[in-house]
């Protein structure tokens, strides 16, 4: 554990009085402290605990009047599109964004931020190609659409792929968050399972009680805290450095070579690769992930759904740029004050840890509590949304699909809540074993959970946009496309790491475009080779 000795200890004896803490925090902003370690003060803990309690109360408030699964899963289909848009951002990107972008821009370079150039194209494709088709189908589970066109087998395939994706996604992200929180509060890694348990318990409790409406409202609060945390880090560094001298004006030697385009498959990141990989991820997630489809169904009509995707992209762009600037600020700050960075974090490969370290060691009281709450909120956004969406899929695609005896709506809601809590328990248990996953957060996420995003979307593409698609062709395309993605994702262990660069022989940025191309090509060719199916009744 690092040795954190706050300046406040010697200057203000009554350090735990809130008013004193606030004034002291402001006075500390301009000071560049000596190297010290993580540890939250009483007021910081109060902020975090009050936030956790407030979310549970909010879940109870919305849950006490729920009488139907439609209200529980899609808020009766009448939710505000602006709230839905913010919830889409918070649910899909919060923890990844908060932890990975500062480390990526600081340790690897700024090219990842060029993904924002894909956003206008994402909006056009999702809003004017996908949503007009999807909003005609009022369903609770997105995978109901697959059965209508390709049979129950394809529906179960899509639902199963989604369950694997979201369970691993939530488990990985809550583990990464717990690890960061452990650094910030100054405890040993052995406490990570307990932090996972606490974070998961709060999230699962209010998601179980309140359903989608509680999830969406708290996602708004969490996004504000998340964004505010990044702004605070930039503000503190700017004050201490006397301005924006941290902003890079030339290519930093700390960064990788990141060209505009390269045919060398082992080049980790390129501008073109970033734009295409993010474009494909967003479109596939919007068109195949229950988290997204469920929120679109929670809006009143096509126009509202378009507002929702527009708001999601706007919030994503603003927060993404801010977090990128936080990475630049951290790089400039520690290059100007190299003695403040522990030697074990000096390597570029450790850049993911510097953002939480700064929060732990260089932010004053109250500010630390707010930022920790932001990180805590980011993890909760991932868990609550994932739990609610998984519950919708399990309930509709497995339990209700094969139930023989009808049950009352009240009973239905209680079944959904039991499933939600069970899913949360599984996530917490799996999270405690995610220490087996190593590597840069951005790369690891693309190689694992995002590996299934494209195959899930392709099922919907064939079901809704290809009138000659055949279940056997769709299944074949899914298997072959996923296999191609796996070969790329784990090309290092399979084919060997490049001895000169230490990188995989094929970059993770090739996963999505190659998997998509092969999936669609194989699925189309096999479907054309098979006799036409009779139209479903």
Protein backbone atom coordinates (compact mmCIF):
# COMPACT_ATOMS: atom_id res chain seq x y z
CA UNK A 1 0.00 0.00 0.00
CA UNK A 2 1.24 3.48 -0.86
CA UNK A 3 1.89 5.91 1.99
CA UNK A 4 -0.57 8.76 1.63
CA UNK A 5 -0.07 11.71 3.99
CA UNK A 6 -2.48 14.46 3.14
CA UNK A 7 -1.31 18.03 3.64
CA UNK A 8 -4.59 18.51 5.47
CA UNK A 9 -3.41 16.37 8.39
CA UNK A 10 -0.98 18.99 9.65
CA UNK A 11 -2.78 22.17 8.66
CA UNK A 12 -6.31 21.44 9.79
CA UNK A 13 -6.76 19.49 13.04
CA UNK A 14 -10.58 19.29 12.62
CA UNK A 15 -10.16 17.55 9.30
CA UNK A 16 -13.40 15.58 9.35
CA UNK A 17 -15.77 18.54 9.61
CA UNK A 18 -17.48 18.86 6.19
CA UNK A 19 -17.08 22.64 5.90
CA UNK A 20 -13.41 22.43 6.80
CA UNK A 21 -12.93 19.58 4.38
CA UNK A 22 -14.50 21.52 1.50
CA UNK A 23 -12.47 24.70 2.08
CA UNK A 24 -9.33 22.63 2.53
CA UNK A 25 -10.00 20.78 -0.70
CA UNK A 26 -10.19 24.02 -2.65
CA UNK A 27 -6.92 25.24 -1.15
CA UNK A 28 -5.21 21.98 -2.07
CA UNK A 29 -6.13 22.15 -5.75
CA UNK A 30 -3.26 24.48 -6.56
CA UNK A 31 -0.66 22.46 -4.65
CA UNK A 32 1.48 19.81 -6.28
CA UNK A 33 1.75 17.34 -3.39
CA UNK A 34 4.66 15.15 -2.50
CA UNK A 35 4.25 11.52 -3.44
CA UNK A 36 1.60 10.01 -1.20
CA UNK A 37 -0.89 7.21 -1.28
CA UNK A 38 -4.47 6.33 -1.59
CA UNK A 39 -6.98 6.56 1.18
CA UNK A 40 -10.43 8.08 1.52
CA UNK A 41 -11.37 10.38 4.37
CA UNK A 42 -14.61 10.18 6.33
CA UNK A 43 -16.37 12.71 4.09
CA UNK A 44 -15.32 10.73 0.99
CA UNK A 45 -16.84 7.58 2.42
CA UNK A 46 -20.01 9.45 3.33
CA UNK A 47 -20.42 10.56 -0.30
CA UNK A 48 -20.00 7.01 -1.62
CA UNK A 49 -22.30 5.41 0.97
CA UNK A 50 -25.03 8.04 0.53
CA UNK A 51 -24.94 7.49 -3.21
CA UNK A 52 -25.27 3.71 -2.82
CA UNK A 53 -28.20 4.03 -0.40
CA UNK A 54 -29.93 6.56 -2.66
CA UNK A 55 -29.86 4.20 -5.63
CA UNK A 56 -31.46 1.38 -3.63
CA UNK A 57 -34.19 3.74 -2.40
CA UNK A 58 -34.79 4.84 -5.99
CA UNK A 59 -35.16 1.22 -7.11
CA UNK A 60 -37.70 0.58 -4.34
CA UNK A 61 -39.63 3.74 -5.26
CA UNK A 62 -40.10 2.72 -8.88
CA UNK A 63 -40.64 -0.94 -8.09
CA UNK A 64 -43.48 -0.53 -5.61
CA UNK A 65 -46.05 0.27 -8.34
CA UNK A 66 -45.01 -2.28 -10.96
CA UNK A 67 -47.74 -4.72 -11.94
CA UNK A 68 -46.57 -5.97 -15.35
CA UNK A 69 -43.44 -7.24 -17.07
CA UNK A 70 -43.94 -4.61 -19.77
CA UNK A 71 -43.42 -1.91 -17.14
CA UNK A 72 -40.53 -3.84 -15.58
CA UNK A 73 -38.59 -4.45 -18.80
CA UNK A 74 -39.44 -1.53 -21.12
CA UNK A 75 -41.05 1.08 -18.84
CA UNK A 76 -44.42 0.53 -20.57
CA UNK A 77 -42.86 1.75 -23.83
CA UNK A 78 -43.37 5.42 -22.95
CA UNK A 79 -40.01 6.57 -21.61
CA UNK A 80 -38.34 9.88 -22.44
CA UNK A 81 -36.01 9.43 -25.45
CA UNK A 82 -33.40 11.76 -23.97
CA UNK A 83 -33.20 9.61 -20.84
CA UNK A 84 -33.06 6.48 -23.00
CA UNK A 85 -30.19 7.95 -25.01
CA UNK A 86 -28.16 8.74 -21.90
CA UNK A 87 -28.95 5.28 -20.54
CA UNK A 88 -27.74 3.69 -23.79
CA UNK A 89 -24.40 5.45 -23.38
CA UNK A 90 -24.06 4.68 -19.68
CA UNK A 91 -25.06 1.04 -20.10
CA UNK A 92 -22.84 0.17 -23.06
CA UNK A 93 -19.72 2.26 -22.57
CA UNK A 94 -19.49 3.56 -19.02
CA UNK A 95 -16.89 1.37 -17.33
CA UNK A 96 -14.88 0.70 -20.49
CA UNK A 97 -14.83 4.41 -21.31
CA UNK A 98 -13.97 5.56 -17.82
CA UNK A 99 -11.06 3.19 -17.33
CA UNK A 100 -9.69 2.61 -20.84
CA UNK A 101 -9.71 5.91 -22.75
CA UNK A 102 -7.43 7.88 -20.36
CA UNK A 103 -4.98 4.97 -20.36
CA UNK A 104 -5.22 4.50 -24.13
CA UNK A 105 -4.59 8.17 -25.00
CA UNK A 106 -1.82 8.50 -22.43
CA UNK A 107 0.04 5.25 -23.02
CA UNK A 108 -0.66 4.48 -26.69
CA UNK A 109 -1.57 7.72 -28.47
CA UNK A 110 -4.49 9.92 -29.57
CA UNK A 111 -5.65 7.96 -32.63
CA UNK A 112 -8.37 6.12 -30.71
CA UNK A 113 -10.24 9.45 -30.45
CA UNK A 114 -10.69 9.47 -34.24
CA UNK A 115 -13.52 6.99 -33.67
CA UNK A 116 -15.71 10.08 -33.28
CA UNK A 117 -15.50 10.52 -37.07
CA UNK A 118 -17.65 7.41 -37.39
CA UNK A 119 -20.53 8.83 -35.32
CA UNK A 120 -22.43 10.62 -38.16
CA UNK A 121 -22.39 7.41 -40.21
CA UNK A 122 -23.48 5.38 -37.19
CA UNK A 123 -26.47 7.69 -36.71
CA UNK A 124 -27.52 7.47 -40.36
CA UNK A 125 -27.31 3.66 -40.47
CA UNK A 126 -29.02 3.02 -37.12
CA UNK A 127 -31.65 5.78 -37.34
CA UNK A 128 -32.69 5.35 -40.98
CA UNK A 129 -31.87 1.71 -41.82
CA UNK A 130 -32.26 -0.34 -38.63
CA UNK A 131 -34.78 1.52 -36.49
CA UNK A 132 -37.58 1.77 -39.12
CA UNK A 133 -37.57 -2.04 -39.26
CA UNK A 134 -37.13 -2.67 -35.54
CA UNK A 135 -39.74 -0.19 -34.30
CA UNK A 136 -42.44 -1.97 -36.28
CA UNK A 137 -41.86 -4.98 -34.01
CA UNK A 138 -42.99 -4.28 -30.46
CA UNK A 139 -41.24 -7.02 -28.50
CA UNK A 140 -39.76 -7.36 -25.00
CA UNK A 141 -36.90 -9.60 -26.08
CA UNK A 142 -35.11 -8.74 -29.31
CA UNK A 143 -34.65 -12.43 -30.02
CA UNK A 144 -38.37 -12.95 -30.54
CA UNK A 145 -37.75 -11.40 -33.96
CA UNK A 146 -35.39 -14.23 -34.89
CA UNK A 147 -37.97 -16.96 -34.30
CA UNK A 148 -40.51 -15.26 -36.57
CA UNK A 149 -38.14 -15.47 -39.53
CA UNK A 150 -35.68 -18.28 -38.82
CA UNK A 151 -37.28 -20.55 -36.23
CA UNK A 152 -36.90 -21.25 -32.54
CA UNK A 153 -33.39 -22.70 -32.95
CA UNK A 154 -32.01 -19.42 -34.25
CA UNK A 155 -33.85 -17.53 -31.51
CA UNK A 156 -32.20 -19.68 -28.85
CA UNK A 157 -28.81 -19.27 -30.57
CA UNK A 158 -29.11 -15.49 -30.48
CA UNK A 159 -30.32 -15.45 -26.89
CA UNK A 160 -27.53 -17.80 -25.78
CA UNK A 161 -24.82 -15.74 -27.50
CA UNK A 162 -26.21 -12.62 -25.86
CA UNK A 163 -26.19 -14.25 -22.41
CA UNK A 164 -22.54 -15.27 -22.82
CA UNK A 165 -21.57 -11.82 -24.06
CA UNK A 166 -23.24 -9.89 -21.25
CA UNK A 167 -22.27 -12.22 -18.42
CA UNK A 168 -18.58 -12.06 -19.35
CA UNK A 169 -18.85 -8.32 -20.11
CA UNK A 170 -20.32 -7.48 -16.72
CA UNK A 171 -17.93 -9.78 -14.90
CA UNK A 172 -14.85 -8.33 -16.58
CA UNK A 173 -15.86 -4.72 -16.11
CA UNK A 174 -16.91 -5.02 -12.49
CA UNK A 175 -13.60 -6.74 -11.77
CA UNK A 176 -11.63 -3.97 -13.46
CA UNK A 177 -13.63 -1.39 -11.54
CA UNK A 178 -13.10 -3.19 -8.23
CA UNK A 179 -9.38 -3.32 -8.96
CA UNK A 180 -9.31 0.41 -9.64
CA UNK A 181 -11.33 1.16 -6.49
CA UNK A 182 -8.90 -0.98 -4.47
CA UNK A 183 -6.07 1.23 -5.73
CA UNK A 184 -8.00 4.40 -4.96
CA UNK A 185 -8.90 3.50 -1.40
CA UNK A 186 -5.45 2.10 -0.72
CA UNK A 187 -6.18 -1.55 0.05
CA UNK A 188 -4.48 -4.76 -1.05
CA UNK A 189 -5.75 -6.75 -4.03
CA UNK A 190 -7.02 -9.42 -1.64
CA UNK A 191 -9.94 -7.07 -0.90
CA UNK A 192 -11.08 -6.99 -4.54
CA UNK A 193 -13.63 -9.85 -4.11
CA UNK A 194 -15.23 -7.93 -1.22
CA UNK A 195 -15.41 -4.74 -3.32
CA UNK A 196 -16.95 -6.77 -6.15
CA UNK A 197 -19.52 -8.14 -3.71
CA UNK A 198 -20.43 -4.68 -2.39
CA UNK A 199 -20.71 -3.08 -5.81
CA UNK A 200 -22.66 -6.01 -7.21
CA UNK A 201 -25.03 -6.18 -4.24
CA UNK A 202 -26.09 -2.54 -4.52
CA UNK A 203 -26.50 -2.70 -8.31
CA UNK A 204 -28.39 -5.97 -8.36
CA UNK A 205 -30.68 -4.87 -5.53
CA UNK A 206 -31.97 -1.71 -7.19
CA UNK A 207 -32.05 -3.25 -10.68
CA UNK A 208 -34.06 -6.18 -9.26
CA UNK A 209 -36.51 -3.90 -7.43
CA UNK A 210 -36.97 -1.12 -9.94
CA UNK A 211 -36.75 -2.63 -13.41
CA UNK A 212 -35.79 -0.59 -16.48
CA UNK A 213 -37.29 2.68 -15.24
CA UNK A 214 -35.05 2.70 -12.16
CA UNK A 215 -32.08 1.65 -14.30
CA UNK A 216 -32.59 4.51 -16.79
CA UNK A 217 -33.01 7.18 -14.10
CA UNK A 218 -29.92 6.08 -12.19
CA UNK A 219 -27.96 5.85 -15.46
CA UNK A 220 -28.53 9.61 -15.85
CA UNK A 221 -27.18 10.27 -12.35
CA UNK A 222 -24.24 7.96 -12.95
CA UNK A 223 -23.34 9.61 -16.24
CA UNK A 224 -23.24 13.02 -14.55
CA UNK A 225 -20.94 11.67 -11.83
CA UNK A 226 -18.77 9.84 -14.36
CA UNK A 227 -18.36 12.91 -16.55
CA UNK A 228 -17.83 15.16 -13.54
CA UNK A 229 -14.99 12.93 -12.32
CA UNK A 230 -13.07 13.34 -15.58
CA UNK A 231 -13.66 17.11 -15.58
CA UNK A 232 -12.39 17.33 -12.00
CA UNK A 233 -9.17 15.52 -12.91
CA UNK A 234 -8.55 17.88 -15.83
CA UNK A 235 -9.40 20.89 -13.68
CA UNK A 236 -7.09 19.91 -10.83
CA UNK A 237 -4.17 19.29 -13.18
CA UNK A 238 -4.79 22.56 -15.05
CA UNK A 239 -4.83 24.55 -11.79
CA UNK A 240 -1.66 22.92 -10.52
CA UNK A 241 0.15 23.42 -13.83
CA UNK A 242 -1.05 27.01 -14.19
CA UNK A 243 -3.03 26.43 -17.37
CA UNK A 244 -3.30 23.98 -20.23
CA UNK A 245 0.39 23.40 -20.73
CA UNK A 246 -0.28 19.67 -20.46
CA UNK A 247 -1.98 19.60 -23.89
CA UNK A 248 0.35 17.85 -26.40
CA UNK A 249 1.48 19.94 -29.35
CA UNK A 250 3.63 17.22 -30.94
CA UNK A 251 3.82 13.44 -31.07
CA UNK A 252 4.92 12.21 -27.66
CA UNK A 253 7.74 9.62 -27.58
CA UNK A 254 5.60 7.72 -25.04
CA UNK A 255 3.10 6.84 -27.80
CA UNK A 256 2.95 3.98 -30.31
CA UNK A 257 3.27 4.34 -34.07
CA UNK A 258 -0.36 4.88 -35.14
CA UNK A 259 -0.57 5.45 -38.92
CA UNK A 260 -3.59 6.51 -40.96
CA UNK A 261 -3.78 3.07 -42.57
CA UNK A 262 -1.60 0.00 -42.75
CA UNK A 263 -1.82 -3.35 -44.51
CA UNK A 264 0.47 -4.81 -41.87
CA UNK A 265 -2.00 -6.83 -39.75
CA UNK A 266 0.08 -6.55 -36.58
CA UNK A 267 -0.10 -2.73 -36.52
CA UNK A 268 -2.09 -2.33 -33.32
CA UNK A 269 -4.14 0.80 -34.11
CA UNK A 270 -4.70 2.86 -37.26
CA UNK A 271 -7.06 5.74 -38.01
CA UNK A 272 -9.00 3.73 -40.59
CA UNK A 273 -9.09 0.66 -38.37
CA UNK A 274 -10.40 2.69 -35.44
CA UNK A 275 -13.17 4.30 -37.47
CA UNK A 276 -14.33 1.03 -39.03
CA UNK A 277 -14.12 -1.05 -35.85
CA UNK A 278 -16.16 1.49 -33.87
CA UNK A 279 -18.66 1.91 -36.73
CA UNK A 280 -19.21 -1.86 -36.91
CA UNK A 281 -19.39 -2.22 -33.12
CA UNK A 282 -21.99 0.53 -32.70
CA UNK A 283 -24.18 -0.66 -35.57
CA UNK A 284 -24.00 -4.31 -34.49
CA UNK A 285 -24.71 -3.43 -30.86
CA UNK A 286 -27.65 -1.21 -31.79
CA UNK A 287 -29.11 -3.90 -34.04
CA UNK A 288 -28.42 -7.08 -32.09
CA UNK A 289 -27.83 -6.41 -28.41
CA UNK A 290 -30.81 -6.71 -26.07
CA UNK A 291 -29.45 -3.79 -24.01
CA UNK A 292 -29.94 -1.49 -27.02
CA UNK A 293 -33.06 -3.00 -28.58
CA UNK A 294 -34.81 -3.08 -25.20
CA UNK A 295 -34.25 0.66 -24.79
CA UNK A 296 -35.46 1.48 -28.28
CA UNK A 297 -38.64 -0.48 -27.49
CA UNK A 298 -39.04 1.62 -24.35
CA UNK A 299 -39.64 4.74 -26.49
CA UNK A 300 -43.02 5.65 -27.96
CA UNK A 301 -42.26 5.66 -31.70
CA UNK A 302 -39.62 5.78 -34.44
CA UNK A 303 -39.00 9.51 -34.00
CA UNK A 304 -38.34 9.07 -30.28
CA UNK A 305 -36.03 6.12 -30.94
CA UNK A 306 -34.02 8.31 -33.35
CA UNK A 307 -33.74 10.99 -30.69
CA UNK A 308 -32.46 8.32 -28.31
CA UNK A 309 -29.65 7.12 -30.60
CA UNK A 310 -28.75 10.75 -31.37
CA UNK A 311 -28.50 11.57 -27.67
CA UNK A 312 -26.43 8.43 -27.06
CA UNK A 313 -23.89 9.50 -29.69
CA UNK A 314 -23.77 13.12 -28.49
CA UNK A 315 -23.14 12.09 -24.89
CA UNK A 316 -20.62 9.50 -26.04
CA UNK A 317 -18.70 12.08 -28.07
CA UNK A 318 -18.59 14.65 -25.25
CA UNK A 319 -17.57 12.15 -22.57
CA UNK A 320 -15.09 10.38 -24.87
CA UNK A 321 -13.32 13.63 -25.75
CA UNK A 322 -13.22 14.66 -22.11
CA UNK A 323 -11.70 11.36 -21.03
CA UNK A 324 -9.18 11.61 -23.87
CA UNK A 325 -8.21 15.04 -22.56
CA UNK A 326 -7.88 13.53 -19.09
CA UNK A 327 -5.35 11.09 -20.53
CA UNK A 328 -3.38 13.96 -22.11
CA UNK A 329 -3.54 15.89 -18.83
CA UNK A 330 -2.20 12.93 -16.85
CA UNK A 331 0.63 12.45 -19.35
CA UNK A 332 1.62 16.11 -19.18
CA UNK A 333 1.30 16.25 -15.40
CA UNK A 334 3.54 13.29 -14.66
CA UNK A 335 6.08 14.28 -17.29
CA UNK A 336 6.30 17.67 -15.58
CA UNK A 337 6.45 15.98 -12.16
CA UNK A 338 8.18 12.63 -12.79
CA UNK A 339 9.01 12.17 -9.12
CA UNK A 340 5.32 11.86 -8.28
CA UNK A 341 4.83 8.72 -10.37
CA UNK A 342 5.90 5.42 -8.76
CA UNK A 343 8.54 3.59 -10.83
CA UNK A 344 6.26 0.58 -11.27
CA UNK A 345 3.75 2.76 -13.16
CA UNK A 346 6.27 4.51 -15.41
CA UNK A 347 6.05 1.98 -18.24
CA UNK A 348 3.55 2.67 -21.04
CA UNK A 349 2.06 -0.79 -20.45
CA UNK A 350 0.86 0.39 -17.02
CA UNK A 351 -1.01 3.44 -18.35
CA UNK A 352 -4.42 1.98 -17.45
CA UNK A 353 -3.50 2.22 -13.76
CA UNK A 354 -2.44 5.87 -13.74
CA UNK A 355 -5.94 7.37 -13.85
CA UNK A 356 -7.08 5.57 -10.68
CA UNK A 357 -3.66 6.22 -9.11
CA UNK A 358 -4.06 9.95 -9.67
CA UNK A 359 -7.49 9.85 -8.08
CA UNK A 360 -6.01 7.92 -5.17
CA UNK A 361 -2.87 9.94 -4.58
CA UNK A 362 -3.37 13.42 -5.97
CA UNK A 363 -6.95 14.54 -5.47
CA UNK A 364 -7.95 16.27 -2.22
CA UNK A 365 -10.81 15.17 0.07
CA UNK A 366 -14.39 15.52 -1.19
CA UNK A 367 -13.07 15.58 -4.76
CA UNK A 368 -11.78 12.04 -4.23
CA UNK A 369 -15.17 10.97 -2.90
CA UNK A 370 -16.96 12.41 -5.92
CA UNK A 371 -14.62 10.74 -8.41
CA UNK A 372 -14.77 7.39 -6.61
CA UNK A 373 -18.56 7.70 -6.73
CA UNK A 374 -18.24 8.30 -10.47
CA UNK A 375 -16.23 5.14 -10.96
CA UNK A 376 -18.57 3.24 -8.68
CA UNK A 377 -21.46 4.61 -10.74
CA UNK A 378 -19.84 3.47 -13.98
CA UNK A 379 -19.65 -0.11 -12.75
CA UNK A 380 -23.22 0.01 -11.52
CA UNK A 381 -24.43 1.22 -14.92
CA UNK A 382 -22.91 -1.87 -16.51
CA UNK A 383 -24.37 -4.24 -13.94
CA UNK A 384 -27.88 -2.82 -13.64
CA UNK A 385 -28.48 -2.60 -17.37
CA UNK A 386 -26.96 -5.98 -18.06
CA UNK A 387 -28.97 -7.67 -15.30
CA UNK A 388 -32.23 -6.14 -16.52
CA UNK A 389 -31.58 -7.11 -20.15
CA UNK A 390 -30.41 -10.63 -19.32
CA UNK A 391 -33.49 -11.08 -17.15
CA UNK A 392 -35.69 -10.03 -20.07
CA UNK A 393 -34.02 -12.60 -22.34
CA UNK A 394 -34.07 -15.45 -19.82
CA UNK A 395 -37.71 -14.76 -18.93
CA UNK A 396 -39.03 -14.35 -22.48
CA UNK A 397 -36.77 -16.60 -24.55
CA UNK A 398 -36.44 -19.53 -22.20
CA UNK A 399 -38.96 -19.53 -19.32
CA UNK A 400 -42.05 -18.05 -21.03
CA UNK A 401 -41.27 -19.56 -24.44
CA UNK A 402 -41.54 -23.09 -23.06
CA UNK A 403 -44.00 -22.53 -20.21
CA UNK A 404 -47.17 -24.62 -20.54
CA UNK A 405 -49.27 -23.09 -17.75
CA UNK A 406 -50.03 -19.33 -17.83
CA UNK A 407 -49.33 -17.28 -14.71
CA UNK A 408 -50.58 -13.93 -13.46
CA UNK A 409 -48.72 -10.68 -14.24
CA UNK A 410 -47.90 -10.19 -10.55
CA UNK A 411 -46.36 -13.66 -10.43
CA UNK A 412 -44.55 -12.90 -13.68
CA UNK A 413 -42.91 -9.82 -12.16
CA UNK A 414 -41.73 -11.81 -9.15
CA UNK A 415 -40.24 -14.48 -11.42
CA UNK A 416 -38.39 -11.73 -13.30
CA UNK A 417 -37.03 -10.33 -10.04
CA UNK A 418 -35.83 -13.75 -8.90
CA UNK A 419 -34.07 -14.25 -12.24
CA UNK A 420 -32.50 -10.77 -11.99
CA UNK A 421 -31.10 -11.45 -8.54
CA UNK A 422 -29.80 -14.88 -9.63
CA UNK A 423 -28.04 -13.32 -12.63
CA UNK A 424 -26.44 -10.78 -10.33
CA UNK A 425 -25.12 -13.51 -8.06
CA UNK A 426 -23.59 -15.33 -11.05
CA UNK A 427 -21.91 -12.12 -12.23
CA UNK A 428 -20.41 -11.46 -8.80
CA UNK A 429 -19.07 -15.02 -8.60
CA UNK A 430 -17.57 -14.93 -12.11
CA UNK A 431 -16.08 -11.48 -11.45
CA UNK A 432 -14.01 -12.87 -8.62
CA UNK A 433 -12.19 -15.07 -11.16
CA UNK A 434 -11.56 -12.41 -13.81
CA UNK A 435 -8.05 -11.87 -12.46
CA UNK A 436 -7.07 -14.56 -14.96
CA UNK A 437 -7.60 -11.99 -17.77
CA UNK A 438 -4.58 -9.77 -18.46
CA UNK A 439 -3.60 -6.98 -20.83
CA UNK A 440 -4.66 -3.49 -21.89
CA UNK A 441 -8.36 -2.89 -21.12
CA UNK A 442 -9.21 -1.80 -24.66
CA UNK A 443 -7.58 -4.81 -26.29
CA UNK A 444 -8.83 -7.37 -23.74
CA UNK A 445 -12.42 -6.13 -24.08
CA UNK A 446 -12.31 -6.39 -27.87
CA UNK A 447 -10.76 -9.84 -27.71
CA UNK A 448 -13.30 -11.28 -25.29
CA UNK A 449 -16.79 -9.87 -24.82
CA UNK A 450 -16.96 -7.82 -28.03
CA UNK A 451 -16.04 -10.96 -29.96
CA UNK A 452 -19.71 -12.00 -30.00
CA UNK A 453 -21.22 -8.64 -30.97
CA UNK A 454 -20.89 -9.20 -34.72
CA UNK A 455 -22.25 -12.80 -34.78
CA UNK A 456 -25.34 -11.72 -32.83
CA UNK A 457 -26.05 -8.83 -35.21
CA UNK A 458 -25.63 -11.06 -38.27
CA UNK A 459 -28.50 -13.22 -37.04
CA UNK A 460 -30.76 -10.15 -37.09
CA UNK A 461 -29.42 -9.01 -40.45
CA UNK A 462 -30.35 -12.31 -42.06
CA UNK A 463 -33.72 -12.46 -40.28
CA UNK A 464 -34.86 -8.92 -41.10
CA UNK A 465 -33.06 -7.92 -44.30
CA UNK A 466 -32.35 -11.12 -46.31
CA UNK A 467 -35.57 -12.71 -47.56
CA UNK A 468 -33.88 -15.86 -48.85
CA UNK A 469 -31.95 -16.63 -45.65
CA UNK A 470 -32.04 -20.25 -44.45
CA UNK A 471 -31.51 -21.33 -40.81
CA UNK A 472 -28.71 -23.73 -41.81
CA UNK A 473 -26.97 -20.96 -43.76
CA UNK A 474 -27.33 -18.51 -40.89
CA UNK A 475 -25.97 -21.02 -38.38
CA UNK A 476 -23.06 -21.88 -40.67
CA UNK A 477 -22.18 -18.23 -41.20
CA UNK A 478 -22.33 -17.63 -37.44
CA UNK A 479 -20.01 -20.54 -36.63
CA UNK A 480 -17.45 -19.76 -39.35
CA UNK A 481 -17.52 -15.98 -38.69
CA UNK A 482 -17.09 -16.46 -34.95
CA UNK A 483 -14.24 -18.92 -35.54
CA UNK A 484 -12.47 -16.35 -37.73
CA UNK A 485 -12.87 -13.74 -35.00
CA UNK A 486 -11.45 -16.11 -32.39
CA UNK A 487 -8.41 -16.85 -34.56
CA UNK A 488 -7.69 -13.13 -34.82
CA UNK A 489 -8.43 -12.33 -31.19
CA UNK A 490 -6.09 -15.04 -29.94
CA UNK A 491 -3.63 -14.97 -32.81
CA UNK A 492 -0.77 -14.41 -30.36
CA UNK A 493 -1.25 -17.61 -28.33
CA UNK A 494 -2.23 -19.58 -31.47
CA UNK A 495 0.37 -18.42 -34.00
CA UNK A 496 2.99 -16.88 -31.73
CA UNK A 497 3.79 -13.35 -30.54
CA UNK A 498 5.94 -11.20 -32.83
CA UNK A 499 9.43 -11.42 -31.24
CA UNK A 500 10.43 -7.91 -32.32
CA UNK A 501 7.36 -5.94 -31.23
CA UNK A 502 5.89 -8.27 -28.61
CA UNK A 503 2.49 -7.87 -30.30
CA UNK A 504 -0.07 -10.26 -31.70
CA UNK A 505 0.50 -11.13 -35.38
CA UNK A 506 -2.99 -9.72 -36.13
CA UNK A 507 -4.38 -6.63 -34.39
CA UNK A 508 -7.70 -6.79 -32.52
CA UNK A 509 -8.99 -4.06 -34.86
CA UNK A 510 -9.35 -6.71 -37.58
CA UNK A 511 -11.75 -8.85 -35.52
CA UNK A 512 -14.99 -7.01 -36.32
CA UNK A 513 -14.53 -6.37 -40.08
CA UNK A 514 -13.22 -9.88 -40.82
CA UNK A 515 -15.85 -11.60 -38.68
CA UNK A 516 -18.64 -9.53 -40.26
CA UNK A 517 -17.46 -10.13 -43.83
CA UNK A 518 -17.01 -13.90 -43.42
CA UNK A 519 -20.25 -14.31 -41.48
CA UNK A 520 -22.36 -12.53 -44.10
CA UNK A 521 -20.55 -14.09 -47.06
CA UNK A 522 -20.75 -17.70 -45.82
CA UNK A 523 -24.32 -17.29 -44.55
CA UNK A 524 -25.45 -15.85 -47.89
CA UNK A 525 -23.73 -18.47 -50.05
CA UNK A 526 -25.02 -21.41 -47.99
CA UNK A 527 -28.55 -19.96 -47.93
CA UNK A 528 -28.50 -19.54 -51.72
CA UNK A 529 -27.31 -23.12 -52.17
CA UNK A 530 -30.18 -24.50 -50.10
CA UNK A 531 -33.82 -24.76 -51.27
CA UNK A 532 -36.08 -21.86 -50.38
CA UNK A 533 -37.98 -22.18 -47.12
CA UNK A 534 -41.71 -21.95 -46.85
CA UNK A 535 -42.92 -18.72 -45.27
CA UNK A 536 -43.58 -18.98 -41.54
CA UNK A 537 -47.18 -18.87 -40.48
